[in-house]
Amino acid sequence: MDYLHYRYKNWRPFEYMNLSEARKRVARAYMRQELRDKEERNKEIKRAFGG
């Protein structure tokens, strides 16, 4: 999960690792929701273009 925050949120590598466990839990939940949202948008785009 720390790589996803680095890749998509431009967090420095140890920024996620240094969070408390409670904050990591929240960050993971938000990242999972963002990934679901992106997947849904991709499906909508494919449907719109007949893919």
Protein backbone atom coordinates (compact mmCIF):
# COMPACT_ATOMS: atom_id res chain seq x y z
CA MET A 1 0.00 0.00 0.00
CA ASP A 2 2.89 2.36 0.66
CA TYR A 3 3.89 2.08 -3.02
CA LEU A 4 0.40 3.14 -4.12
CA HIS A 5 0.61 6.24 -1.95
CA TYR A 6 4.03 6.99 -3.42
CA ARG A 7 2.80 6.38 -6.97
CA TYR A 8 -0.58 8.12 -6.88
CA LYS A 9 -0.23 10.66 -4.05
CA ASN A 10 3.45 11.60 -4.35
CA TRP A 11 4.10 10.68 -0.72
CA ARG A 12 7.75 10.17 0.12
CA PRO A 13 8.59 6.47 0.64
CA PHE A 14 8.78 6.58 4.43
CA GLU A 15 5.86 8.96 4.88
CA TYR A 16 3.34 6.10 4.88
CA MET A 17 5.57 3.80 6.90
CA ASN A 18 5.94 6.39 9.66
CA LEU A 19 2.19 6.81 10.17
CA SER A 20 0.54 5.37 13.26
CA GLU A 21 -1.45 2.19 12.66
CA ALA A 22 -4.74 4.09 12.96
CA ARG A 23 -3.68 6.60 10.30
CA LYS A 24 -2.45 3.81 8.02
CA ARG A 25 -5.87 2.18 8.31
CA VAL A 26 -7.56 5.40 7.21
CA ALA A 27 -5.05 5.96 4.38
CA ARG A 28 -5.62 2.38 3.14
CA ALA A 29 -9.38 2.82 3.20
CA TYR A 30 -9.17 6.02 1.17
CA MET A 31 -6.76 4.45 -1.31
CA ARG A 32 -8.99 1.41 -1.79
CA GLN A 33 -11.97 3.70 -2.42
CA GLU A 34 -9.97 5.75 -4.92
CA LEU A 35 -8.97 2.56 -6.77
CA ARG A 36 -12.61 1.43 -6.90
CA ASP A 37 -13.63 4.86 -8.22
CA LYS A 38 -10.95 4.72 -10.93
CA GLU A 39 -12.02 1.23 -11.94
CA GLU A 40 -15.64 2.35 -12.24
CA ARG A 41 -14.66 5.37 -14.35
CA ASN A 42 -12.64 3.11 -16.64
CA LYS A 43 -15.65 0.83 -17.09
CA GLU A 44 -17.85 3.85 -17.91
CA ILE A 45 -15.34 5.02 -20.51
CA LYS A 46 -15.22 1.57 -22.10
CA ARG A 47 -19.04 1.42 -22.24
CA ALA A 48 -19.19 4.91 -23.77
CA PHE A 49 -16.75 3.97 -26.51
CA GLY A 50 -18.12 0.48 -27.08
CA GLY A 51 -15.16 -1.32 -25.59
